[in-house]
PDB file of all heavy atoms in Angstrom:
ATOM      1  N   CYS A   1      11.028  90.619  11.545  1.00  0.00           N
ATOM      2  CA  CYS A   1      11.647  91.814  12.160  1.00  0.00           C
ATOM      3  C   CYS A   1      10.901  93.089  11.784  1.00  0.00           C
ATOM      4  O   CYS A   1      11.513  94.133  11.538  1.00  0.00           O
ATOM      5  CB  CYS A   1      13.113  91.932  11.751  1.00  0.00           C
ATOM      6  SG  CYS A   1      14.128  90.509  12.161  1.00  0.00           S
ATOM      7  N   VAL A   2       9.566  93.007  11.750  1.00  0.00           N
ATOM      8  CA  VAL A   2       8.759  94.151  11.320  1.00  0.00           C
ATOM      9  C   VAL A   2       8.910  95.321  12.291  1.00  0.00           C
ATOM     10  O   VAL A   2       9.034  96.478  11.872  1.00  0.00           O
ATOM     11  CB  VAL A   2       7.283  93.741  11.186  1.00  0.00           C
ATOM     12  CG1 VAL A   2       6.403  94.971  10.965  1.00  0.00           C
ATOM     13  CG2 VAL A   2       7.110  92.774  10.043  1.00  0.00           C
ATOM     14  N   ARG A   3       8.917  95.015  13.582  1.00  0.00           N
ATOM     15  CA  ARG A   3       8.996  96.109  14.560  1.00  0.00           C
ATOM     16  C   ARG A   3      10.321  96.855  14.441  1.00  0.00           C
ATOM     17  O   ARG A   3      10.339  98.092  14.459  1.00  0.00           O
ATOM     18  CB  ARG A   3       8.826  95.548  15.966  1.00  0.00           C
ATOM     19  CG  ARG A   3       8.699  96.621  17.023  1.00  0.00           C
ATOM     20  CD  ARG A   3       8.177  96.059  18.327  1.00  0.00           C
ATOM     21  NE  ARG A   3       7.853  97.113  19.278  1.00  0.00           N
ATOM     22  CZ  ARG A   3       7.198  96.911  20.402  1.00  0.00           C
ATOM     23  NH1 ARG A   3       6.753  95.701  20.700  1.00  0.00           N
ATOM     24  NH2 ARG A   3       6.956  97.903  21.223  1.00  0.00           N
ATOM     25  N   ALA A   4      11.417  96.119  14.285  1.00  0.00           N
ATOM     26  CA  ALA A   4      12.722  96.771  14.125  1.00  0.00           C
ATOM     27  C   ALA A   4      12.773  97.571  12.831  1.00  0.00           C
ATOM     28  O   ALA A   4      13.297  98.687  12.793  1.00  0.00           O
ATOM     29  CB  ALA A   4      13.833  95.717  14.148  1.00  0.00           C
ATOM     30  N   ALA A   5      12.216  97.012  11.750  1.00  0.00           N
ATOM     31  CA  ALA A   5      12.199  97.719  10.473  1.00  0.00           C
ATOM     32  C   ALA A   5      11.371  98.996  10.572  1.00  0.00           C
ATOM     33  O   ALA A   5      11.740 100.045  10.023  1.00  0.00           O
ATOM     34  CB  ALA A   5      11.652  96.809   9.380  1.00  0.00           C
ATOM     35  N   ALA A   6      10.233  98.910  11.285  1.00  0.00           N
ATOM     36  CA  ALA A   6       9.388 100.091  11.456  1.00  0.00           C
ATOM     37  C   ALA A   6      10.099 101.166  12.270  1.00  0.00           C
ATOM     38  O   ALA A   6       9.944 102.367  12.007  1.00  0.00           O
ATOM     39  CB  ALA A   6       8.071  99.706  12.118  1.00  0.00           C
ATOM     40  N   GLN A   7      10.887 100.759  13.256  1.00  0.00           N
ATOM     41  CA  GLN A   7      11.637 101.724  14.056  1.00  0.00           C
ATOM     42  C   GLN A   7      12.681 102.457  13.197  1.00  0.00           C
ATOM     43  O   GLN A   7      12.858 103.673  13.317  1.00  0.00           O
ATOM     44  CB  GLN A   7      12.302 101.012  15.230  1.00  0.00           C
ATOM     45  CG  GLN A   7      11.322 100.548  16.292  1.00  0.00           C
ATOM     46  CD  GLN A   7      11.934  99.616  17.324  1.00  0.00           C
ATOM     47  OE1 GLN A   7      13.077  99.176  17.168  1.00  0.00           O
ATOM     48  NE2 GLN A   7      11.199  99.295  18.377  1.00  0.00           N
ATOM     49  N   VAL A   8      13.358 101.706  12.329  1.00  0.00           N
ATOM     50  CA  VAL A   8      14.327 102.337  11.421  1.00  0.00           C
ATOM     51  C   VAL A   8      13.608 103.294  10.479  1.00  0.00           C
ATOM     52  O   VAL A   8      14.064 104.422  10.231  1.00  0.00           O
ATOM     53  CB  VAL A   8      15.096 101.265  10.631  1.00  0.00           C
ATOM     54  CG1 VAL A   8      15.998 101.918   9.584  1.00  0.00           C
ATOM     55  CG2 VAL A   8      15.931 100.404  11.570  1.00  0.00           C
ATOM     56  N   LEU A   9      12.473 102.851   9.930  1.00  0.00           N
ATOM     57  CA  LEU A   9      11.713 103.697   9.013  1.00  0.00           C
ATOM     58  C   LEU A   9      11.200 104.955   9.704  1.00  0.00           C
ATOM     59  O   LEU A   9      11.187 106.044   9.107  1.00  0.00           O
ATOM     60  CB  LEU A   9      10.545 102.897   8.438  1.00  0.00           C
ATOM     61  CG  LEU A   9       9.707 103.583   7.353  1.00  0.00           C
ATOM     62  CD1 LEU A   9      10.569 103.934   6.147  1.00  0.00           C
ATOM     63  CD2 LEU A   9       8.540 102.697   6.931  1.00  0.00           C
ATOM     64  N   ALA A  10      10.803 104.826  10.971  1.00  0.00           N
ATOM     65  CA  ALA A  10      10.305 105.980  11.717  1.00  0.00           C
ATOM     66  C   ALA A  10      11.406 107.006  11.973  1.00  0.00           C
ATOM     67  O   ALA A  10      11.126 108.199  12.148  1.00  0.00           O
ATOM     68  CB  ALA A  10       9.706 105.519  13.043  1.00  0.00           C
ATOM     69  N   VAL A  11      12.654 106.572  12.006  1.00  0.00           N
ATOM     70  CA  VAL A  11      13.782 107.507  12.136  1.00  0.00           C
ATOM     71  C   VAL A  11      14.145 108.109  10.778  1.00  0.00           C
ATOM     72  O   VAL A  11      14.481 109.295  10.680  1.00  0.00           O
ATOM     73  CB  VAL A  11      15.001 106.770  12.747  1.00  0.00           C
ATOM     74  CG1 VAL A  11      16.234 107.670  12.722  1.00  0.00           C
ATOM     75  CG2 VAL A  11      14.697 106.333  14.172  1.00  0.00           C
ATOM     76  N   LEU A  12      14.042 107.302   9.741  1.00  0.00           N
ATOM     77  CA  LEU A  12      14.461 107.730   8.400  1.00  0.00           C
ATOM     78  C   LEU A  12      13.483 108.713   7.769  1.00  0.00           C
ATOM     79  O   LEU A  12      13.893 109.678   7.110  1.00  0.00           O
ATOM     80  CB  LEU A  12      14.614 106.493   7.517  1.00  0.00           C
ATOM     81  CG  LEU A  12      15.243 106.660   6.134  1.00  0.00           C
ATOM     82  CD1 LEU A  12      16.667 107.175   6.260  1.00  0.00           C
ATOM     83  CD2 LEU A  12      15.213 105.334   5.384  1.00  0.00           C
ATOM     84  N   LEU A  13      12.188 108.487   7.979  1.00  0.00           N
ATOM     85  CA  LEU A  13      11.177 109.287   7.292  1.00  0.00           C
ATOM     86  C   LEU A  13      11.199 110.779   7.644  1.00  0.00           C
ATOM     87  O   LEU A  13      11.078 111.611   6.742  1.00  0.00           O
ATOM     88  CB  LEU A  13       9.786 108.706   7.545  1.00  0.00           C
ATOM     89  CG  LEU A  13       9.351 107.581   6.599  1.00  0.00           C
ATOM     90  CD1 LEU A  13       8.013 107.002   7.032  1.00  0.00           C
ATOM     91  CD2 LEU A  13       9.265 108.087   5.164  1.00  0.00           C
ATOM     92  N   PRO A  14      11.328 111.164   8.922  1.00  0.00           N
ATOM     93  CA  PRO A  14      11.365 112.612   9.198  1.00  0.00           C
ATOM     94  C   PRO A  14      12.498 113.334   8.470  1.00  0.00           C
ATOM     95  O   PRO A  14      12.320 114.468   8.000  1.00  0.00           O
ATOM     96  CB  PRO A  14      11.551 112.673  10.717  1.00  0.00           C
ATOM     97  CG  PRO A  14      10.994 111.402  11.219  1.00  0.00           C
ATOM     98  CD  PRO A  14      11.318 110.383  10.174  1.00  0.00           C
ATOM     99  N   LEU A  15      13.653 112.685   8.356  1.00  0.00           N
ATOM    100  CA  LEU A  15      14.765 113.297   7.615  1.00  0.00           C
ATOM    101  C   LEU A  15      14.423 113.438   6.147  1.00  0.00           C
ATOM    102  O   LEU A  15      14.715 114.471   5.521  1.00  0.00           O
ATOM    103  CB  LEU A  15      16.028 112.438   7.787  1.00  0.00           C
ATOM    104  CG  LEU A  15      16.559 112.304   9.220  1.00  0.00           C
ATOM    105  CD1 LEU A  15      17.732 111.334   9.257  1.00  0.00           C
ATOM    106  CD2 LEU A  15      16.972 113.669   9.758  1.00  0.00           C
ATOM    107  N   ALA A  16      13.790 112.396   5.571  1.00  0.00           N
ATOM    108  CA  ALA A  16      13.405 112.461   4.159  1.00  0.00           C
ATOM    109  C   ALA A  16      12.338 113.526   3.927  1.00  0.00           C
ATOM    110  O   ALA A  16      12.359 114.229   2.915  1.00  0.00           O
ATOM    111  CB  ALA A  16      12.900 111.088   3.702  1.00  0.00           C
ATOM    112  N   ILE A  17      11.408 113.654   4.874  1.00  0.00           N
ATOM    113  CA  ILE A  17      10.354 114.662   4.728  1.00  0.00           C
ATOM    114  C   ILE A  17      10.949 116.068   4.752  1.00  0.00           C
ATOM    115  O   ILE A  17      10.609 116.925   3.924  1.00  0.00           O
ATOM    116  CB  ILE A  17       9.302 114.500   5.838  1.00  0.00           C
ATOM    117  CG1 ILE A  17       8.534 113.186   5.654  1.00  0.00           C
ATOM    118  CG2 ILE A  17       8.317 115.671   5.836  1.00  0.00           C
ATOM    119  CD1 ILE A  17       7.653 112.823   6.834  1.00  0.00           C
ATOM    120  N   LEU A  18      11.848 116.314   5.710  1.00  0.00           N
ATOM    121  CA  LEU A  18      12.422 117.653   5.859  1.00  0.00           C
ATOM    122  C   LEU A  18      13.385 118.011   4.722  1.00  0.00           C
ATOM    123  O   LEU A  18      13.314 119.107   4.157  1.00  0.00           O
ATOM    124  CB  LEU A  18      13.140 117.755   7.205  1.00  0.00           C
ATOM    125  CG  LEU A  18      12.243 117.765   8.456  1.00  0.00           C
ATOM    126  CD1 LEU A  18      13.097 117.698   9.708  1.00  0.00           C
ATOM    127  CD2 LEU A  18      11.358 119.004   8.474  1.00  0.00           C
ATOM    128  N   LEU A  19      14.269 117.080   4.388  1.00  0.00           N
ATOM    129  CA  LEU A  19      15.339 117.401   3.436  1.00  0.00           C
ATOM    130  C   LEU A  19      14.955 117.143   1.985  1.00  0.00           C
ATOM    131  O   LEU A  19      15.384 117.888   1.092  1.00  0.00           O
ATOM    132  CB  LEU A  19      16.590 116.585   3.778  1.00  0.00           C
ATOM    133  CG  LEU A  19      17.192 116.825   5.165  1.00  0.00           C
ATOM    134  CD1 LEU A  19      18.392 115.919   5.388  1.00  0.00           C
ATOM    135  CD2 LEU A  19      17.597 118.292   5.322  1.00  0.00           C
ATOM    136  N   ILE A  20      14.149 116.119   1.733  1.00  0.00           N
ATOM    137  CA  ILE A  20      13.837 115.755   0.348  1.00  0.00           C
ATOM    138  C   ILE A  20      12.466 116.288  -0.066  1.00  0.00           C
ATOM    139  O   ILE A  20      12.362 117.160  -0.933  1.00  0.00           O
ATOM    140  CB  ILE A  20      13.899 114.216   0.163  1.00  0.00           C
ATOM    141  CG1 ILE A  20      15.223 113.668   0.705  1.00  0.00           C
ATOM    142  CG2 ILE A  20      13.709 113.879  -1.323  1.00  0.00           C
ATOM    143  CD1 ILE A  20      16.450 114.256   0.068  1.00  0.00           C
ATOM    144  N   ASP A  21      11.401 115.805   0.577  1.00  0.00           N
ATOM    145  CA  ASP A  21      10.059 116.252   0.207  1.00  0.00           C
ATOM    146  C   ASP A  21       9.851 117.734   0.482  1.00  0.00           C
ATOM    147  O   ASP A  21       9.119 118.411  -0.243  1.00  0.00           O
ATOM    148  CB  ASP A  21       9.008 115.441   0.977  1.00  0.00           C
ATOM    149  CG  ASP A  21       8.954 113.991   0.520  1.00  0.00           C
ATOM    150  OD1 ASP A  21       9.469 113.710  -0.578  1.00  0.00           O
ATOM    151  OD2 ASP A  21       8.410 113.155   1.254  1.00  0.00           O
ATOM    152  N   GLY A  22      10.484 118.223   1.538  1.00  0.00           N
ATOM    153  CA  GLY A  22      10.296 119.626   1.906  1.00  0.00           C
ATOM    154  C   GLY A  22      11.077 120.615   1.067  1.00  0.00           C
ATOM    155  O   GLY A  22      10.954 121.829   1.271  1.00  0.00           O
ATOM    156  N   ASN A  23      11.863 120.125   0.124  1.00  0.00           N
ATOM    157  CA  ASN A  23      12.638 121.016  -0.750  1.00  0.00           C
ATOM    158  C   ASN A  23      11.736 121.529  -1.866  1.00  0.00           C
ATOM    159  O   ASN A  23      11.816 121.103  -3.024  1.00  0.00           O
ATOM    160  CB  ASN A  23      13.838 120.265  -1.327  1.00  0.00           C
ATOM    161  CG  ASN A  23      14.780 121.172  -2.083  1.00  0.00           C
ATOM    162  OD1 ASN A  23      14.565 122.386  -2.172  1.00  0.00           O
ATOM    163  ND2 ASN A  23      15.840 120.601  -2.635  1.00  0.00           N
ATOM    164  N   LEU A  24      10.861 122.474  -1.528  1.00  0.00           N
ATOM    165  CA  LEU A  24       9.868 122.966  -2.484  1.00  0.00           C
ATOM    166  C   LEU A  24      10.511 123.695  -3.653  1.00  0.00           C
ATOM    167  O   LEU A  24       9.984 123.677  -4.773  1.00  0.00           O
ATOM    168  CB  LEU A  24       8.880 123.883  -1.765  1.00  0.00           C
ATOM    169  CG  LEU A  24       8.029 123.222  -0.673  1.00  0.00           C
ATOM    170  CD1 LEU A  24       7.155 124.242   0.022  1.00  0.00           C
ATOM    171  CD2 LEU A  24       7.183 122.099  -1.247  1.00  0.00           C
ATOM    172  N   ALA A  25      11.636 124.347  -3.404  1.00  0.00           N
ATOM    173  CA  ALA A  25      12.315 125.053  -4.496  1.00  0.00           C
ATOM    174  C   ALA A  25      12.732 124.072  -5.587  1.00  0.00           C
ATOM    175  O   ALA A  25      12.622 124.379  -6.787  1.00  0.00           O
ATOM    176  CB  ALA A  25      13.529 125.800  -3.954  1.00  0.00           C
ATOM    177  N   TYR A  26      13.167 122.894  -5.186  1.00  0.00           N
ATOM    178  CA  TYR A  26      13.588 121.898  -6.178  1.00  0.00           C
ATOM    179  C   TYR A  26      12.393 121.292  -6.896  1.00  0.00           C
ATOM    180  O   TYR A  26      12.332 121.287  -8.138  1.00  0.00           O
ATOM    181  CB  TYR A  26      14.392 120.798  -5.492  1.00  0.00           C
ATOM    182  CG  TYR A  26      14.749 119.656  -6.411  1.00  0.00           C
ATOM    183  CD1 TYR A  26      15.772 119.780  -7.342  1.00  0.00           C
ATOM    184  CD2 TYR A  26      14.040 118.454  -6.364  1.00  0.00           C
ATOM    185  CE1 TYR A  26      16.091 118.735  -8.197  1.00  0.00           C
ATOM    186  CE2 TYR A  26      14.354 117.408  -7.212  1.00  0.00           C
ATOM    187  CZ  TYR A  26      15.375 117.555  -8.128  1.00  0.00           C
ATOM    188  OH  TYR A  26      15.671 116.509  -8.971  1.00  0.00           O
ATOM    189  N   TRP A  27      11.412 120.792  -6.131  1.00  0.00           N
ATOM    190  CA  TRP A  27      10.302 120.076  -6.759  1.00  0.00           C
ATOM    191  C   TRP A  27       9.379 121.013  -7.523  1.00  0.00           C
ATOM    192  O   TRP A  27       8.946 120.687  -8.642  1.00  0.00           O
ATOM    193  CB  TRP A  27       9.503 119.318  -5.699  1.00  0.00           C
ATOM    194  CG  TRP A  27      10.274 118.220  -5.048  1.00  0.00           C
ATOM    195  CD1 TRP A  27      10.702 118.174  -3.755  1.00  0.00           C
ATOM    196  CD2 TRP A  27      10.749 117.011  -5.656  1.00  0.00           C
ATOM    197  NE1 TRP A  27      11.400 117.024  -3.517  1.00  0.00           N
ATOM    198  CE2 TRP A  27      11.450 116.282  -4.661  1.00  0.00           C
ATOM    199  CE3 TRP A  27      10.654 116.477  -6.940  1.00  0.00           C
ATOM    200  CZ2 TRP A  27      12.030 115.046  -4.923  1.00  0.00           C
ATOM    201  CZ3 TRP A  27      11.241 115.240  -7.203  1.00  0.00           C
ATOM    202  CH2 TRP A  27      11.918 114.548  -6.202  1.00  0.00           C
ATOM    203  N   HIS A  28       9.052 122.166  -6.954  1.00  0.00           N
ATOM    204  CA  HIS A  28       8.070 123.051  -7.590  1.00  0.00           C
ATOM    205  C   HIS A  28       8.692 123.896  -8.697  1.00  0.00           C
ATOM    206  O   HIS A  28       8.120 124.006  -9.791  1.00  0.00           O
ATOM    207  CB  HIS A  28       7.444 123.947  -6.525  1.00  0.00           C
ATOM    208  CG  HIS A  28       6.431 124.913  -7.067  1.00  0.00           C
ATOM    209  ND1 HIS A  28       5.343 124.513  -7.820  1.00  0.00           N
ATOM    210  CD2 HIS A  28       6.341 126.268  -6.971  1.00  0.00           C
ATOM    211  CE1 HIS A  28       4.632 125.584  -8.171  1.00  0.00           C
ATOM    212  NE2 HIS A  28       5.218 126.650  -7.663  1.00  0.00           N
ATOM    213  N   ARG A  29       9.847 124.451  -8.434  1.00  0.00           N
ATOM    214  CA  ARG A  29      10.436 125.357  -9.423  1.00  0.00           C
ATOM    215  C   ARG A  29      11.263 124.631 -10.473  1.00  0.00           C
ATOM    216  O   ARG A  29      11.138 124.892 -11.677  1.00  0.00           O
ATOM    217  CB  ARG A  29      11.297 126.400  -8.718  1.00  0.00           C
ATOM    218  CG  ARG A  29      10.500 127.315  -7.788  1.00  0.00           C
ATOM    219  CD  ARG A  29      11.413 128.247  -7.017  1.00  0.00           C
ATOM    220  NE  ARG A  29      10.687 128.969  -5.967  1.00  0.00           N
ATOM    221  CZ  ARG A  29      11.270 129.686  -5.025  1.00  0.00           C
ATOM    222  NH1 ARG A  29      12.597 129.791  -4.984  1.00  0.00           N
ATOM    223  NH2 ARG A  29      10.548 130.314  -4.106  1.00  0.00           N
ATOM    224  N   ALA A  30      12.111 123.722 -10.035  1.00  0.00           N
ATOM    225  CA  ALA A  30      13.003 123.039 -10.977  1.00  0.00           C
ATOM    226  C   ALA A  30      12.307 121.889 -11.700  1.00  0.00           C
ATOM    227  O   ALA A  30      12.520 121.684 -12.897  1.00  0.00           O
ATOM    228  CB  ALA A  30      14.249 122.534 -10.252  1.00  0.00           C
ATOM    229  N   ARG A  31      11.470 121.125 -10.985  1.00  0.00           N
ATOM    230  CA  ARG A  31      10.838 119.941 -11.587  1.00  0.00           C
ATOM    231  C   ARG A  31       9.381 120.166 -11.963  1.00  0.00           C
ATOM    232  O   ARG A  31       8.715 119.245 -12.433  1.00  0.00           O
ATOM    233  CB  ARG A  31      10.955 118.747 -10.626  1.00  0.00           C
ATOM    234  CG  ARG A  31      12.398 118.320 -10.394  1.00  0.00           C
ATOM    235  CD  ARG A  31      13.079 117.966 -11.701  1.00  0.00           C
ATOM    236  NE  ARG A  31      14.507 117.730 -11.538  1.00  0.00           N
ATOM    237  CZ  ARG A  31      15.329 117.506 -12.551  1.00  0.00           C
ATOM    238  NH1 ARG A  31      14.866 117.489 -13.786  1.00  0.00           N
ATOM    239  NH2 ARG A  31      16.621 117.313 -12.342  1.00  0.00           N
ATOM    240  N   ARG A  32       8.867 121.353 -11.746  1.00  0.00           N
ATOM    241  CA  ARG A  32       7.526 121.744 -12.179  1.00  0.00           C
ATOM    242  C   ARG A  32       6.420 120.890 -11.564  1.00  0.00           C
ATOM    243  O   ARG A  32       5.383 120.665 -12.197  1.00  0.00           O
ATOM    244  CB  ARG A  32       7.415 121.683 -13.716  1.00  0.00           C
ATOM    245  CG  ARG A  32       8.434 122.531 -14.447  1.00  0.00           C
ATOM    246  CD  ARG A  32       8.265 123.988 -14.124  1.00  0.00           C
ATOM    247  NE  ARG A  32       9.240 124.829 -14.832  1.00  0.00           N
ATOM    248  CZ  ARG A  32       9.389 126.131 -14.596  1.00  0.00           C
ATOM    249  NH1 ARG A  32       8.634 126.731 -13.686  1.00  0.00           N
ATOM    250  NH2 ARG A  32      10.290 126.838 -15.255  1.00  0.00           N
ATOM    251  N   VAL A  33       6.638 120.400 -10.357  1.00  0.00           N
ATOM    252  CA  VAL A  33       5.559 119.723  -9.639  1.00  0.00           C
ATOM    253  C   VAL A  33       4.639 120.797  -9.071  1.00  0.00           C
ATOM    254  O   VAL A  33       5.112 121.774  -8.476  1.00  0.00           O
ATOM    255  CB  VAL A  33       6.115 118.838  -8.506  1.00  0.00           C
ATOM    256  CG1 VAL A  33       4.977 118.164  -7.741  1.00  0.00           C
ATOM    257  CG2 VAL A  33       7.064 117.798  -9.069  1.00  0.00           C
ATOM    258  N   GLU A  34       3.345 120.642  -9.272  1.00  0.00           N
ATOM    259  CA  GLU A  34       2.413 121.637  -8.754  1.00  0.00           C
ATOM    260  C   GLU A  34       2.596 121.780  -7.239  1.00  0.00           C
ATOM    261  O   GLU A  34       2.801 120.787  -6.535  1.00  0.00           O
ATOM    262  CB  GLU A  34       0.977 121.210  -9.073  1.00  0.00           C
ATOM    263  CG  GLU A  34       0.688 121.238 -10.564  1.00  0.00           C
ATOM    264  CD  GLU A  34      -0.452 120.307 -10.946  1.00  0.00           C
ATOM    265  OE1 GLU A  34      -0.412 119.143 -10.506  1.00  0.00           O
ATOM    266  OE2 GLU A  34      -1.354 120.745 -11.661  1.00  0.00           O
ATOM    267  N   PHE A  35       2.526 123.023  -6.776  1.00  0.00           N
ATOM    268  CA  PHE A  35       2.825 123.305  -5.373  1.00  0.00           C
ATOM    269  C   PHE A  35       1.963 122.462  -4.441  1.00  0.00           C
ATOM    270  O   PHE A  35       2.478 121.809  -3.523  1.00  0.00           O
ATOM    271  CB  PHE A  35       2.614 124.789  -5.079  1.00  0.00           C
ATOM    272  CG  PHE A  35       2.851 125.164  -3.640  1.00  0.00           C
ATOM    273  CD1 PHE A  35       4.130 125.388  -3.170  1.00  0.00           C
ATOM    274  CD2 PHE A  35       1.785 125.263  -2.745  1.00  0.00           C
ATOM    275  CE1 PHE A  35       4.356 125.725  -1.837  1.00  0.00           C
ATOM    276  CE2 PHE A  35       2.001 125.595  -1.420  1.00  0.00           C
ATOM    277  CZ  PHE A  35       3.291 125.830  -0.969  1.00  0.00           C
ATOM    278  N   TRP A  36       0.646 122.454  -4.665  1.00  0.00           N
ATOM    279  CA  TRP A  36      -0.225 121.742  -3.744  1.00  0.00           C
ATOM    280  C   TRP A  36      -0.202 120.240  -3.970  1.00  0.00           C
ATOM    281  O   TRP A  36      -0.577 119.475  -3.083  1.00  0.00           O
ATOM    282  CB  TRP A  36      -1.646 122.304  -3.809  1.00  0.00           C
ATOM    283  CG  TRP A  36      -1.728 123.585  -3.053  1.00  0.00           C
ATOM    284  CD1 TRP A  36      -1.785 124.846  -3.557  1.00  0.00           C
ATOM    285  CD2 TRP A  36      -1.681 123.726  -1.628  1.00  0.00           C
ATOM    286  NE1 TRP A  36      -1.791 125.763  -2.537  1.00  0.00           N
ATOM    287  CE2 TRP A  36      -1.736 125.112  -1.345  1.00  0.00           C
ATOM    288  CE3 TRP A  36      -1.610 122.828  -0.569  1.00  0.00           C
ATOM    289  CZ2 TRP A  36      -1.710 125.598  -0.044  1.00  0.00           C
ATOM    290  CZ3 TRP A  36      -1.589 123.317   0.729  1.00  0.00           C
ATOM    291  CH2 TRP A  36      -1.648 124.685   0.988  1.00  0.00           C
ATOM    292  N   ASN A  37       0.263 119.821  -5.118  1.00  0.00           N
ATOM    293  CA  ASN A  37       0.497 118.389  -5.306  1.00  0.00           C
ATOM    294  C   ASN A  37       1.688 117.943  -4.450  1.00  0.00           C
ATOM    295  O   ASN A  37       1.649 116.879  -3.816  1.00  0.00           O
ATOM    296  CB  ASN A  37       0.764 118.084  -6.774  1.00  0.00           C
ATOM    297  CG  ASN A  37       0.653 116.604  -7.089  1.00  0.00           C
ATOM    298  OD1 ASN A  37       0.176 115.813  -6.283  1.00  0.00           O
ATOM    299  ND2 ASN A  37       1.099 116.212  -8.264  1.00  0.00           N
ATOM    300  N   GLN A  38       2.730 118.766  -4.414  1.00  0.00           N
ATOM    301  CA  GLN A  38       3.874 118.450  -3.559  1.00  0.00           C
ATOM    302  C   GLN A  38       3.495 118.507  -2.084  1.00  0.00           C
ATOM    303  O   GLN A  38       3.960 117.673  -1.287  1.00  0.00           O
ATOM    304  CB  GLN A  38       5.025 119.417  -3.845  1.00  0.00           C
ATOM    305  CG  GLN A  38       6.297 119.149  -3.061  1.00  0.00           C
ATOM    306  CD  GLN A  38       6.881 117.775  -3.321  1.00  0.00           C
ATOM    307  OE1 GLN A  38       6.679 117.205  -4.386  1.00  0.00           O
ATOM    308  NE2 GLN A  38       7.603 117.243  -2.359  1.00  0.00           N
TER     309      GLN A  38
END
């Protein structure tokens, strides 16, 4: 079921990118991840 799994992942990833990875205030300021590393 790779194709179905990939379709689910393709829907899930944009939300994770916007809400989780894109939270620069949390990762850079609170967790001290270098800005360009994030």
